[in-house]
C-alpha atoms as a PDB file:
ATOM      1  CA  MET A   1     139.673 100.634  54.466  1.00  0.00           C
ATOM      2  CA  THR A   2     138.125 103.987  56.533  1.00  0.00           C
ATOM      3  CA  ARG A   3     134.080 103.942  56.027  1.00  0.00           C
ATOM      4  CA  PHE A   4     132.624 106.557  55.271  1.00  0.00           C
ATOM      5  CA  HIS A   5     129.292 108.105  55.969  1.00  0.00           C
ATOM      6  CA  GLN A   6     126.844 110.775  55.933  1.00  0.00           C
ATOM      7  CA  LEU A   7     125.270 112.980  58.532  1.00  0.00           C
ATOM      8  CA  ALA A   8     122.845 115.929  56.392  1.00  0.00           C
ATOM      9  CA  GLY A   9     119.093 117.018  57.615  1.00  0.00           C
ATOM     10  CA  ALA A  10     117.037 119.669  59.724  1.00  0.00           C
ATOM     11  CA  ALA A  11     117.624 121.136  63.318  1.00  0.00           C
ATOM     12  CA  GLY A  12     116.000 120.077  66.358  1.00  0.00           C
ATOM     13  CA  PRO A  13     114.563 116.895  68.271  1.00  0.00           C
ATOM     14  CA  SER A  14     112.971 114.872  65.715  1.00  0.00           C
ATOM     15  CA  ALA A  15     115.868 115.733  63.016  1.00  0.00           C
ATOM     16  CA  PHE A  16     118.339 114.485  65.434  1.00  0.00           C
ATOM     17  CA  GLU A  17     116.426 111.231  65.229  1.00  0.00           C
ATOM     18  CA  ALA A  18     115.924 110.757  61.267  1.00  0.00           C
ATOM     19  CA  THR A  19     119.411 111.946  60.364  1.00  0.00           C
ATOM     20  CA  HIS A  20     121.406 109.859  63.243  1.00  0.00           C
ATOM     21  CA  GLU A  21     118.899 106.477  62.937  1.00  0.00           C
ATOM     22  CA  ALA A  22     119.876 105.290  59.724  1.00  0.00           C
ATOM     23  CA  TYR A  23     123.556 106.286  60.746  1.00  0.00           C
ATOM     24  CA  PHE A  24     123.862 104.477  63.788  1.00  0.00           C
ATOM     25  CA  ALA A  25     121.636 101.207  62.422  1.00  0.00           C
ATOM     26  CA  SER A  26     124.522 101.166  59.818  1.00  0.00           C
ATOM     27  CA  ILE A  27     127.673 101.061  62.070  1.00  0.00           C
ATOM     28  CA  ALA A  28     125.576  98.994  65.318  1.00  0.00           C
ATOM     29  CA  GLN A  29     123.084  97.307  66.825  1.00  0.00           C
ATOM     30  CA  VAL A  30     120.951  97.954  69.854  1.00  0.00           C
ATOM     31  CA  ASP A  31     122.856  96.692  73.057  1.00  0.00           C
ATOM     32  CA  GLU A  32     120.199  98.141  75.867  1.00  0.00           C
ATOM     33  CA  CYS A  33     117.870 100.605  76.535  1.00  0.00           C
ATOM     34  CA  ARG A  34     116.826 101.629  79.477  1.00  0.00           C
ATOM     35  CA  ASP A  35     116.350 104.888  81.843  1.00  0.00           C
ATOM     36  CA  GLY A  36     115.765 107.395  78.301  1.00  0.00           C
ATOM     37  CA  THR A  37     119.007 105.459  77.166  1.00  0.00           C
ATOM     38  CA  VAL A  38     119.444 103.839  74.245  1.00  0.00           C
ATOM     39  CA  ARG A  39     122.607 101.648  73.819  1.00  0.00           C
ATOM     40  CA  HIS A  40     124.156 101.280  70.611  1.00  0.00           C
ATOM     41  CA  ARG A  41     127.410  99.071  70.473  1.00  0.00           C
ATOM     42  CA  LEU A  42     129.731  98.548  67.429  1.00  0.00           C
ATOM     43  CA  ARG A  43     129.298  95.792  64.897  1.00  0.00           C
ATOM     44  CA  PRO A  44     132.377  94.016  65.137  1.00  0.00           C
ATOM     45  CA  GLU A  45     133.698  94.018  62.013  1.00  0.00           C
ATOM     46  CA  VAL A  46     133.456  98.369  62.451  1.00  0.00           C
ATOM     47  CA  GLY A  47     135.087  98.494  66.075  1.00  0.00           C
ATOM     48  CA  ASP A  48     134.564  98.300  69.605  1.00  0.00           C
ATOM     49  CA  GLY A  49     132.839 100.223  71.692  1.00  0.00           C
ATOM     50  CA  THR A  50     129.186 102.283  72.220  1.00  0.00           C
ATOM     51  CA  ILE A  51     127.170 105.160  71.883  1.00  0.00           C
ATOM     52  CA  GLU A  52     124.665 105.738  73.975  1.00  0.00           C
ATOM     53  CA  VAL A  53     121.991 108.260  73.304  1.00  0.00           C
ATOM     54  CA  THR A  54     120.010 109.786  76.117  1.00  0.00           C
ATOM     55  CA  SER A  55     116.828 112.016  75.074  1.00  0.00           C
ATOM     56  CA  LEU A  56     115.830 114.741  77.752  1.00  0.00           C
ATOM     57  CA  ARG A  57     112.794 116.645  78.061  1.00  0.00           C
ATOM     58  CA  SER A  58     114.098 119.851  77.224  1.00  0.00           C
ATOM     59  CA  GLY A  59     115.085 118.387  73.745  1.00  0.00           C
ATOM     60  CA  PHE A  60     118.015 118.100  74.247  1.00  0.00           C
ATOM     61  CA  HIS A  61     120.282 115.103  73.420  1.00  0.00           C
ATOM     62  CA  ILE A  62     122.957 113.966  74.897  1.00  0.00           C
ATOM     63  CA  VAL A  63     125.462 111.625  73.359  1.00  0.00           C
ATOM     64  CA  ARG A  64     127.776 109.113  75.206  1.00  0.00           C
ATOM     65  CA  TYR A  65     131.242 108.407  73.003  1.00  0.00           C
ATOM     66  CA  ASP A  66     133.313 105.148  73.620  1.00  0.00           C
ATOM     67  CA  VAL A  67     134.191 103.953  70.826  1.00  0.00           C
ATOM     68  CA  ALA A  68     137.692 102.357  68.143  1.00  0.00           C
ATOM     69  CA  PHE A  69     136.405 102.320  64.863  1.00  0.00           C
ATOM     70  CA  ALA A  70     138.366  99.298  62.302  1.00  0.00           C
ATOM     71  CA  GLY A  71     140.365 100.453  60.004  1.00  0.00           C
ATOM     72  CA  GLY A  72     139.199 104.623  60.887  1.00  0.00           C
ATOM     73  CA  HIS A  73     135.805 105.865  60.008  1.00  0.00           C
ATOM     74  CA  GLN A  74     134.516 109.160  58.261  1.00  0.00           C
ATOM     75  CA  VAL A  75     131.534 111.099  59.015  1.00  0.00           C
ATOM     76  CA  GLY A  76     130.148 114.026  56.410  1.00  0.00           C
ATOM     77  CA  PHE A  77     128.081 116.118  57.824  1.00  0.00           C
ATOM     78  CA  ALA A  78     125.916 119.305  56.331  1.00  0.00           C
ATOM     79  CA  PHE A  79     123.829 121.428  59.379  1.00  0.00           C
ATOM     80  CA  PRO A  80     121.761 124.493  59.161  1.00  0.00           C
ATOM     81  CA  GLY A  81     122.442 127.166  60.927  1.00  0.00           C
ATOM     82  CA  ASP A  82     120.151 126.756  64.207  1.00  0.00           C
ATOM     83  CA  HIS A  83     121.806 123.396  64.150  1.00  0.00           C
ATOM     84  CA  PHE A  84     123.168 123.348  68.578  1.00  0.00           C
ATOM     85  CA  GLU A  85     125.594 121.076  69.261  1.00  0.00           C
ATOM     86  CA  LEU A  86     128.651 121.159  72.691  1.00  0.00           C
ATOM     87  CA  GLU A  87     131.686 118.929  72.690  1.00  0.00           C
ATOM     88  CA  HIS A  88     133.261 117.357  74.984  1.00  0.00           C
ATOM     89  CA  CYS A  89     136.505 114.944  74.164  1.00  0.00           C
ATOM     90  CA  VAL A  90     137.263 113.473  77.369  1.00  0.00           C
ATOM     91  CA  ASP A  91     139.637 110.990  75.820  1.00  0.00           C
ATOM     92  CA  GLY A  92     141.477 110.676  72.011  1.00  0.00           C
ATOM     93  CA  ARG A  93     140.993 112.558  69.605  1.00  0.00           C
ATOM     94  CA  MET A  94     139.059 113.984  66.466  1.00  0.00           C
ATOM     95  CA  HIS A  95     139.373 115.099  63.302  1.00  0.00           C
ATOM     96  CA  ILE A  96     137.169 118.044  62.136  1.00  0.00           C
ATOM     97  CA  SER A  97     137.412 119.777  58.905  1.00  0.00           C
ATOM     98  CA  GLU A  98     134.723 122.189  57.637  1.00  0.00           C
ATOM     99  CA  SER A  99     134.559 123.813  54.598  1.00  0.00           C
ATOM    100  CA  SER A 100     134.206 127.689  55.757  1.00  0.00           C
ATOM    101  CA  THR A 101     136.154 126.749  59.369  1.00  0.00           C
ATOM    102  CA  GLY A 102     139.467 124.919  58.188  1.00  0.00           C
ATOM    103  CA  ALA A 103     140.227 121.690  59.961  1.00  0.00           C
ATOM    104  CA  GLY A 104     141.889 120.917  63.593  1.00  0.00           C
ATOM    105  CA  ASP A 105     141.770 118.147  66.143  1.00  0.00           C
ATOM    106  CA  LEU A 106     139.447 117.659  69.020  1.00  0.00           C
ATOM    107  CA  GLN A 107     141.612 116.471  71.578  1.00  0.00           C
ATOM    108  CA  ALA A 108     141.334 115.485  74.764  1.00  0.00           C
ATOM    109  CA  ARG A 109     139.703 117.629  77.386  1.00  0.00           C
ATOM    110  CA  SER A 110     139.007 120.455  75.013  1.00  0.00           C
ATOM    111  CA  VAL A 111     135.795 121.285  74.041  1.00  0.00           C
ATOM    112  CA  SER A 112     133.978 122.259  70.726  1.00  0.00           C
ATOM    113  CA  LEU A 113     130.846 124.755  70.208  1.00  0.00           C
ATOM    114  CA  SER A 114     129.220 124.480  67.103  1.00  0.00           C
ATOM    115  CA  PRO A 115     128.912 127.721  64.627  1.00  0.00           C
ATOM    116  CA  ARG A 116     125.654 129.393  64.488  1.00  0.00           C
ATOM    117  CA  CYS A 117     126.104 129.426  60.967  1.00  0.00           C
ATOM    118  CA  ALA A 118     125.238 126.102  58.433  1.00  0.00           C
ATOM    119  CA  THR A 119     128.282 123.789  58.800  1.00  0.00           C
ATOM    120  CA  ASP A 120     129.380 121.351  55.959  1.00  0.00           C
ATOM    121  CA  GLY A 121     132.730 119.387  56.466  1.00  0.00           C
ATOM    122  CA  VAL A 122     133.914 115.902  57.347  1.00  0.00           C
ATOM    123  CA  VAL A 123     134.861 114.537  60.904  1.00  0.00           C
ATOM    124  CA  GLU A 124     137.414 111.417  61.014  1.00  0.00           C
ATOM    125  CA  HIS A 125     138.693 109.192  63.703  1.00  0.00           C
ATOM    126  CA  GLY A 126     141.687 107.422  63.504  1.00  0.00           C
ATOM    127  CA  ASP A 127     142.137 103.473  62.884  1.00  0.00           C
ATOM    128  CA  GLY A 128     142.102 101.797  66.425  1.00  0.00           C
ATOM    129  CA  GLU A 129     142.056 105.428  67.939  1.00  0.00           C
ATOM    130  CA  ARG A 130     140.239 105.468  70.659  1.00  0.00           C
ATOM    131  CA  TYR A 131     137.453 108.389  71.355  1.00  0.00           C
ATOM    132  CA  ARG A 132     135.876 109.376  74.479  1.00  0.00           C
ATOM    133  CA  ALA A 133     133.479 112.278  74.125  1.00  0.00           C
ATOM    134  CA  VAL A 134     130.294 113.360  75.649  1.00  0.00           C
ATOM    135  CA  SER A 135     127.955 115.615  72.987  1.00  0.00           C
ATOM    136  CA  VAL A 136     124.981 118.103  73.554  1.00  0.00           C
ATOM    137  CA  THR A 137     122.707 118.166  70.584  1.00  0.00           C
ATOM    138  CA  GLY A 138     119.468 120.751  69.869  1.00  0.00           C
ATOM    139  CA  THR A 139     119.006 124.007  68.106  1.00  0.00           C
ATOM    140  CA  TRP A 140     120.039 127.398  69.291  1.00  0.00           C
ATOM    141  CA  THR A 141     116.706 128.427  68.909  1.00  0.00           C
ATOM    142  CA  GLY A 142     115.865 125.666  71.505  1.00  0.00           C
ATOM    143  CA  LEU A 143     118.518 126.967  73.890  1.00  0.00           C
ATOM    144  CA  GLU A 144     116.665 129.923  74.073  1.00  0.00           C
ATOM    145  CA  SER A 145     113.914 129.191  75.018  1.00  0.00           C
ATOM    146  CA  TYR A 146     115.443 126.507  76.973  1.00  0.00           C
ATOM    147  CA  LEU A 147     117.538 129.535  78.753  1.00  0.00           C
ATOM    148  CA  GLY A 148     114.644 131.694  78.872  1.00  0.00           C
ATOM    149  CA  GLY A 149     112.211 129.039  81.078  1.00  0.00           C
ATOM    150  CA  LEU A 150     115.615 128.924  83.513  1.00  0.00           C
ATOM    151  CA  GLY A 151     114.997 133.135  84.072  1.00  0.00           C
ATOM    152  CA  ALA A 152     118.652 133.191  82.841  1.00  0.00           C
ATOM    153  CA  GLY A 153     118.046 135.806  80.265  1.00  0.00           C
ATOM    154  CA  GLU A 154     119.632 136.032  76.685  1.00  0.00           C
ATOM    155  CA  LEU A 155     121.821 134.082  75.270  1.00  0.00           C
ATOM    156  CA  PRO A 156     125.152 136.452  74.724  1.00  0.00           C
ATOM    157  CA  ALA A 157     126.388 137.146  71.419  1.00  0.00           C
ATOM    158  CA  ILE A 158     128.421 134.645  69.585  1.00  0.00           C
ATOM    159  CA  GLY A 159     131.365 137.268  68.412  1.00  0.00           C
ATOM    160  CA  PRO A 160     133.138 137.817  65.562  1.00  0.00           C
ATOM    161  CA  GLU A 161     134.050 134.755  63.604  1.00  0.00           C
ATOM    162  CA  ARG A 162     137.193 133.721  64.101  1.00  0.00           C
ATOM    163  CA  VAL A 163     135.918 133.212  68.018  1.00  0.00           C
ATOM    164  CA  ALA A 164     134.037 131.297  66.333  1.00  0.00           C
ATOM    165  CA  ARG A 165     136.195 129.266  64.359  1.00  0.00           C
ATOM    166  CA  GLU A 166     139.092 128.675  67.621  1.00  0.00           C
ATOM    167  CA  ARG A 167     135.548 127.317  69.283  1.00  0.00           C
ATOM    168  CA  TYR A 168     134.742 125.084  66.867  1.00  0.00           C
ATOM    169  CA  LEU A 169     137.767 123.782  66.334  1.00  0.00           C
ATOM    170  CA  GLY A 170     138.546 123.293  70.626  1.00  0.00           C
ATOM    171  CA  ARG A 171     140.917 126.444  70.578  1.00  0.00           C
ATOM    172  CA  SER A 172     138.224 128.671  73.072  1.00  0.00           C
ATOM    173  CA  THR A 173     140.185 128.126  76.534  1.00  0.00           C
ATOM    174  CA  ALA A 174     137.368 130.527  77.809  1.00  0.00           C
ATOM    175  CA  LEU A 175     134.879 127.012  77.163  1.00  0.00           C
ATOM    176  CA  ARG A 176     137.244 124.545  78.934  1.00  0.00           C
ATOM    177  CA  PRO A 177     135.485 125.053  82.834  1.00  0.00           C
ATOM    178  CA  VAL A 178     132.091 123.603  80.123  1.00  0.00           C
ATOM    179  CA  ALA A 179     134.537 119.916  80.611  1.00  0.00           C
ATOM    180  CA  GLY A 180     133.677 119.412  84.265  1.00  0.00           C
ATOM    181  CA  PRO A 181     129.550 119.456  83.892  1.00  0.00           C
ATOM    182  CA  LEU A 182     130.015 117.382  80.708  1.00  0.00           C
ATOM    183  CA  GLU A 183     132.634 114.623  82.328  1.00  0.00           C
ATOM    184  CA  GLU A 184     130.555 114.205  85.076  1.00  0.00           C
ATOM    185  CA  ILE A 185     127.100 113.123  82.333  1.00  0.00           C
ATOM    186  CA  PHE A 186     130.272 110.905  80.573  1.00  0.00           C
ATOM    187  CA  LEU A 187     131.194 108.975  83.777  1.00  0.00           C
ATOM    188  CA  HIS A 188     127.628 108.922  85.586  1.00  0.00           C
ATOM    189  CA  ARG A 189     126.798 104.809  84.741  1.00  0.00           C
ATOM    190  CA  ARG A 190     124.715 104.495  87.694  1.00  0.00           C
ATOM    191  CA  THR A 191     120.961 103.545  87.334  1.00  0.00           C
ATOM    192  CA  SER A 192     118.405 104.879  89.746  1.00  0.00           C
ATOM    193  CA  PRO A 193     115.226 106.947  89.625  1.00  0.00           C
ATOM    194  CA  GLY A 194     117.494 110.118  89.807  1.00  0.00           C
ATOM    195  CA  ARG A 195     119.270 109.396  86.665  1.00  0.00           C
ATOM    196  CA  LEU A 196     117.660 111.880  84.740  1.00  0.00           C
ATOM    197  CA  LEU A 197     117.511 114.841  86.852  1.00  0.00           C
ATOM    198  CA  PHE A 198     121.159 114.438  87.649  1.00  0.00           C
ATOM    199  CA  MET A 199     121.896 114.263  83.284  1.00  0.00           C
ATOM    200  CA  GLU A 200     120.126 117.132  83.370  1.00  0.00           C
ATOM    201  CA  SER A 201     121.670 119.506  86.122  1.00  0.00           C
ATOM    202  CA  ARG A 202     124.810 118.711  84.524  1.00  0.00           C
ATOM    203  CA  LEU A 203     123.358 119.998  81.364  1.00  0.00           C
ATOM    204  CA  VAL A 204     122.922 123.060  83.234  1.00  0.00           C
ATOM    205  CA  ALA A 205     125.781 123.464  85.001  1.00  0.00           C
ATOM    206  CA  ALA A 206     128.049 122.948  81.444  1.00  0.00           C
ATOM    207  CA  LEU A 207     125.097 125.693  79.834  1.00  0.00           C
ATOM    208  CA  GLY A 208     126.387 128.023  82.747  1.00  0.00           C
ATOM    209  CA  ALA A 209     129.508 127.486  82.012  1.00  0.00           C
ATOM    210  CA  LEU A 210     129.207 127.998  78.051  1.00  0.00           C
ATOM    211  CA  ILE A 211     127.331 131.701  78.995  1.00  0.00           C
ATOM    212  CA  ASP A 212     129.857 132.660  80.848  1.00  0.00           C
ATOM    213  CA  GLY A 213     132.837 131.761  78.477  1.00  0.00           C
ATOM    214  CA  LEU A 214     130.766 133.199  75.975  1.00  0.00           C
ATOM    215  CA  THR A 215     130.590 136.315  78.125  1.00  0.00           C
ATOM    216  CA  ALA A 216     134.396 136.150  78.334  1.00  0.00           C
ATOM    217  CA  THR A 217     136.444 139.331  77.080  1.00  0.00           C
ATOM    218  CA  VAL A 218     137.801 137.952  73.189  1.00  0.00           C
ATOM    219  CA  PRO A 219     141.023 139.816  73.308  1.00  0.00           C
ATOM    220  CA  SER A 220     141.260 141.994  70.170  1.00  0.00           C
ATOM    221  CA  GLU A 221     143.262 141.284  66.721  1.00  0.00           C
ATOM    222  CA  GLU A 222     146.212 143.677  67.335  1.00  0.00           C
ATOM    223  CA  GLY A 223     147.304 143.021  70.659  1.00  0.00           C
ATOM    224  CA  GLY A 224     147.755 140.788  73.403  1.00  0.00           C
ATOM    225  CA  ASP A 225     147.645 137.646  71.509  1.00  0.00           C
ATOM    226  CA  LEU A 226     151.079 135.580  71.376  1.00  0.00           C
ATOM    227  CA  ALA A 227     151.852 134.764  67.769  1.00  0.00           C
ATOM    228  CA  LEU A 228     152.815 131.063  67.773  1.00  0.00           C
ATOM    229  CA  ASP A 229     154.600 129.559  65.328  1.00  0.00           C
ATOM    230  CA  ASP A 230     153.492 125.991  63.092  1.00  0.00           C
ATOM    231  CA  HIS A 231     156.730 123.862  64.596  1.00  0.00           C
ATOM    232  CA  GLU A 232     155.303 126.140  68.212  1.00  0.00           C
ATOM    233  CA  VAL A 233     152.245 124.723  68.614  1.00  0.00           C
ATOM    234  CA  VAL A 234     153.254 120.769  67.518  1.00  0.00           C
ATOM    235  CA  ALA A 235     156.162 121.119  69.496  1.00  0.00           C
ATOM    236  CA  LEU A 236     153.408 122.396  72.799  1.00  0.00           C
ATOM    237  CA  ARG A 237     150.466 119.519  71.201  1.00  0.00           C
ATOM    238  CA  ARG A 238     153.193 117.067  71.778  1.00  0.00           C
ATOM    239  CA  VAL A 239     154.141 117.828  75.684  1.00  0.00           C
ATOM    240  CA  PRO A 240     151.017 116.400  77.387  1.00  0.00           C
ATOM    241  CA  GLU A 241     151.322 112.592  75.586  1.00  0.00           C
ATOM    242  CA  MET A 242     155.080 113.243  76.583  1.00  0.00           C
ATOM    243  CA  LEU A 243     153.877 113.813  80.257  1.00  0.00           C
ATOM    244  CA  TRP A 244     151.389 111.455  80.293  1.00  0.00           C
ATOM    245  CA  ARG A 245     154.455 108.471  79.454  1.00  0.00           C
ATOM    246  CA  GLU A 246     156.701 110.056  81.938  1.00  0.00           C
ATOM    247  CA  ARG A 247     153.746 110.392  84.368  1.00  0.00           C
ATOM    248  CA  HIS A 248     155.752 107.929  87.188  1.00  0.00           C
ATOM    249  CA  ALA A 249     159.238 109.610  86.923  1.00  0.00           C
ATOM    250  CA  PRO A 250     157.482 113.066  85.953  1.00  0.00           C
ATOM    251  CA  PRO A 251     160.043 115.522  83.850  1.00  0.00           C
ATOM    252  CA  THR A 252     161.136 118.747  85.153  1.00  0.00           C
ATOM    253  CA  LEU A 253     159.490 121.815  82.855  1.00  0.00           C
ATOM    254  CA  ALA A 254     163.663 122.782  81.721  1.00  0.00           C
ATOM    255  CA  GLU A 255     163.807 119.394  80.802  1.00  0.00           C
ATOM    256  CA  VAL A 256     160.055 119.336  78.821  1.00  0.00           C
ATOM    257  CA  ALA A 257     161.065 122.923  77.451  1.00  0.00           C
ATOM    258  CA  ARG A 258     164.739 121.134  76.411  1.00  0.00           C
ATOM    259  CA  ALA A 259     163.163 118.755  74.040  1.00  0.00           C
ATOM    260  CA  SER A 260     160.588 120.685  73.203  1.00  0.00           C
ATOM    261  CA  SER A 261     163.608 123.151  71.742  1.00  0.00           C
ATOM    262  CA  MET A 262     162.079 125.943  73.631  1.00  0.00           C
ATOM    263  CA  SER A 263     162.835 128.459  76.049  1.00  0.00           C
ATOM    264  CA  VAL A 264     160.936 127.773  79.878  1.00  0.00           C
ATOM    265  CA  ARG A 265     158.906 130.795  79.091  1.00  0.00           C
ATOM    266  CA  ARG A 266     158.251 130.089  75.851  1.00  0.00           C
ATOM    267  CA  LEU A 267     157.101 126.408  77.132  1.00  0.00           C
ATOM    268  CA  ALA A 268     154.603 128.034  80.125  1.00  0.00           C
ATOM    269  CA  THR A 269     153.291 131.052  77.876  1.00  0.00           C
ATOM    270  CA  GLY A 270     152.991 129.305  74.785  1.00  0.00           C
ATOM    271  CA  PHE A 271     151.404 125.947  76.225  1.00  0.00           C
ATOM    272  CA  ARG A 272     148.455 128.374  79.007  1.00  0.00           C
ATOM    273  CA  ALA A 273     147.869 130.233  74.977  1.00  0.00           C
ATOM    274  CA  LEU A 274     146.975 126.804  73.885  1.00  0.00           C
ATOM    275  CA  TYR A 275     145.956 124.903  76.688  1.00  0.00           C
ATOM    276  CA  GLY A 276     144.265 127.792  78.584  1.00  0.00           C
ATOM    277  CA  MET A 277     146.481 126.368  82.079  1.00  0.00           C
ATOM    278  CA  SER A 278     149.796 125.835  83.072  1.00  0.00           C
ATOM    279  CA  VAL A 279     151.503 122.612  81.947  1.00  0.00           C
ATOM    280  CA  MET A 280     151.600 120.916  85.079  1.00  0.00           C
ATOM    281  CA  GLU A 281     148.183 122.098  86.068  1.00  0.00           C
ATOM    282  CA  TYR A 282     147.005 120.582  82.971  1.00  0.00           C
ATOM    283  CA  HIS A 283     148.968 117.058  83.115  1.00  0.00           C
ATOM    284  CA  ARG A 284     147.760 117.105  87.042  1.00  0.00           C
ATOM    285  CA  ARG A 285     144.115 116.713  85.598  1.00  0.00           C
ATOM    286  CA  ARG A 286     144.766 114.852  82.517  1.00  0.00           C
ATOM    287  CA  CYS A 287     145.620 112.158  85.194  1.00  0.00           C
ATOM    288  CA  LEU A 288     142.772 112.700  88.362  1.00  0.00           C
ATOM    289  CA  ASP A 289     140.801 112.109  85.141  1.00  0.00           C
ATOM    290  CA  ARG A 290     141.859 109.080  84.313  1.00  0.00           C
ATOM    291  CA  ALA A 291     141.039 107.733  87.698  1.00  0.00           C
ATOM    292  CA  ALA A 292     137.824 109.506  87.829  1.00  0.00           C
ATOM    293  CA  SER A 293     137.342 106.807  84.614  1.00  0.00           C
ATOM    294  CA  LEU A 294     139.113 104.175  86.005  1.00  0.00           C
ATOM    295  CA  LEU A 295     137.582 103.764  89.565  1.00  0.00           C
ATOM    296  CA  VAL A 296     134.220 103.987  87.387  1.00  0.00           C
ATOM    297  CA  GLU A 297     134.728 101.530  84.264  1.00  0.00           C
ATOM    298  CA  THR A 298     137.111  98.944  86.472  1.00  0.00           C
ATOM    299  CA  ASP A 299     136.564  97.026  90.460  1.00  0.00           C
ATOM    300  CA  TRP A 300     140.728  97.707  90.708  1.00  0.00           C
ATOM    301  CA  PRO A 301     141.867  98.477  93.853  1.00  0.00           C
ATOM    302  CA  VAL A 302     141.866 103.053  94.339  1.00  0.00           C
ATOM    303  CA  ALA A 303     145.861 102.163  95.628  1.00  0.00           C
ATOM    304  CA  ARG A 304     146.218 100.214  91.542  1.00  0.00           C
ATOM    305  CA  ILE A 305     144.550 103.309  90.077  1.00  0.00           C
ATOM    306  CA  GLY A 306     147.018 105.965  91.411  1.00  0.00           C
ATOM    307  CA  HIS A 307     149.511 104.254  91.047  1.00  0.00           C
ATOM    308  CA  GLU A 308     148.175 103.637  87.457  1.00  0.00           C
ATOM    309  CA  VAL A 309     148.249 107.469  86.418  1.00  0.00           C
ATOM    310  CA  GLY A 310     151.493 108.307  88.433  1.00  0.00           C
ATOM    311  CA  TYR A 311     151.362 108.544  91.687  1.00  0.00           C
ATOM    312  CA  ALA A 312     153.638 107.229  94.408  1.00  0.00           C
ATOM    313  CA  SER A 313     151.764 106.344  97.088  1.00  0.00           C
ATOM    314  CA  PRO A 314     147.965 106.042  98.263  1.00  0.00           C
ATOM    315  CA  SER A 315     147.335 108.339 100.426  1.00  0.00           C
ATOM    316  CA  ASN A 316     148.714 111.151  97.993  1.00  0.00           C
ATOM    317  CA  PHE A 317     146.482 109.827  95.244  1.00  0.00           C
ATOM    318  CA  GLY A 318     143.723 110.071  97.947  1.00  0.00           C
ATOM    319  CA  TYR A 319     145.118 113.709  99.131  1.00  0.00           C
ATOM    320  CA  ALA A 320     144.750 115.369  95.524  1.00  0.00           C
ATOM    321  CA  PHE A 321     141.559 113.231  93.621  1.00  0.00           C
ATOM    322  CA  ARG A 322     139.899 114.793  97.356  1.00  0.00           C
ATOM    323  CA  ARG A 323     140.968 118.078  97.054  1.00  0.00           C
ATOM    324  CA  ASP A 324     140.567 118.032  93.024  1.00  0.00           C
ATOM    325  CA  ARG A 325     136.564 116.488  93.166  1.00  0.00           C
ATOM    326  CA  GLY A 326     135.110 117.551  96.686  1.00  0.00           C
ATOM    327  CA  ILE A 327     135.397 113.776  97.420  1.00  0.00           C
ATOM    328  CA  SER A 328     136.920 110.051  97.887  1.00  0.00           C
ATOM    329  CA  PRO A 329     137.842 107.872  95.384  1.00  0.00           C
ATOM    330  CA  ALA A 330     135.876 105.818  97.162  1.00  0.00           C
ATOM    331  CA  ARG A 331     133.062 107.706  97.609  1.00  0.00           C
ATOM    332  CA  PHE A 332     132.926 108.262  94.293  1.00  0.00           C
ATOM    333  CA  ARG A 333     133.189 105.089  92.852  1.00  0.00           C
ATOM    334  CA  ARG A 334     129.974 104.105  94.796  1.00  0.00           C
ATOM    335  CA  ALA A 335     127.850 107.366  93.475  1.00  0.00           C
ATOM    336  CA  HIS A 336     128.921 106.700  89.919  1.00  0.00           C
ATOM    337  CA  SER A 337     129.209 103.035  90.058  1.00  0.00           C
END
């Protein structure tokens, strides 16, 4: 049976604590408190996993989700226009339905930005579906003050309503660079005196990418946008899972196009319009992101992790990982464990 919970309240740090405290208490128990982070572990009857909340001096909260709900899970929400939330889905899927924006799925590697207006809707997790994500919450007013303190100038205009809607549903390719620093926050588990400073630094990097994304040129309504039919969007959404299933013997682009009932050109241009990068680049990044998670979360040998994410040899995996992250797999593990 799907459980339903409700979140509502004013914006701001104290409001976050007030609105979320009862919610967390109803689904989890406090497992550990250290280094400014409170870890909530889901009750067995609710599901499996943890929700970690870190309060930063900047007035923002960082929330890391690694959860799988038994029987499904729904959370209704109602927030005022000053509520700010920036969320990156590292792995899994969460369905969003908002009264004004519409509905959509926040999927792996997508980034969602709350609109600067009141929101009212429901987020939903499927039965047993693992959801890994990191969220930054605060207020738009606080964000402007924070950026001003850094000398970053005024926050760029949010843009047309349709663009804000795409950003909220995780469909804006311009916000994809935000994913990198947020994912570093998700993966960082190391306990050290500089831990909060590290998280604050990654927050600054994410906000820098956010400003760049907000100032990116917005395509006009009349021209330039690639029109995709609904059935094409559905087919393109299946491609990442198809490639992941076949990662040990990956199909060619022509084979993917044939399985999707599309031409190679249509597949390539449609996928880039939807995900902001090429088919193979997206798959490569997904494999390396999964490898980074396994390096932190398991004690598997590096060679086993490379094979798990689809690399035929440890040397190929090591080269690809260093090229992507600027550090070897072994050093990455030591830095984040």
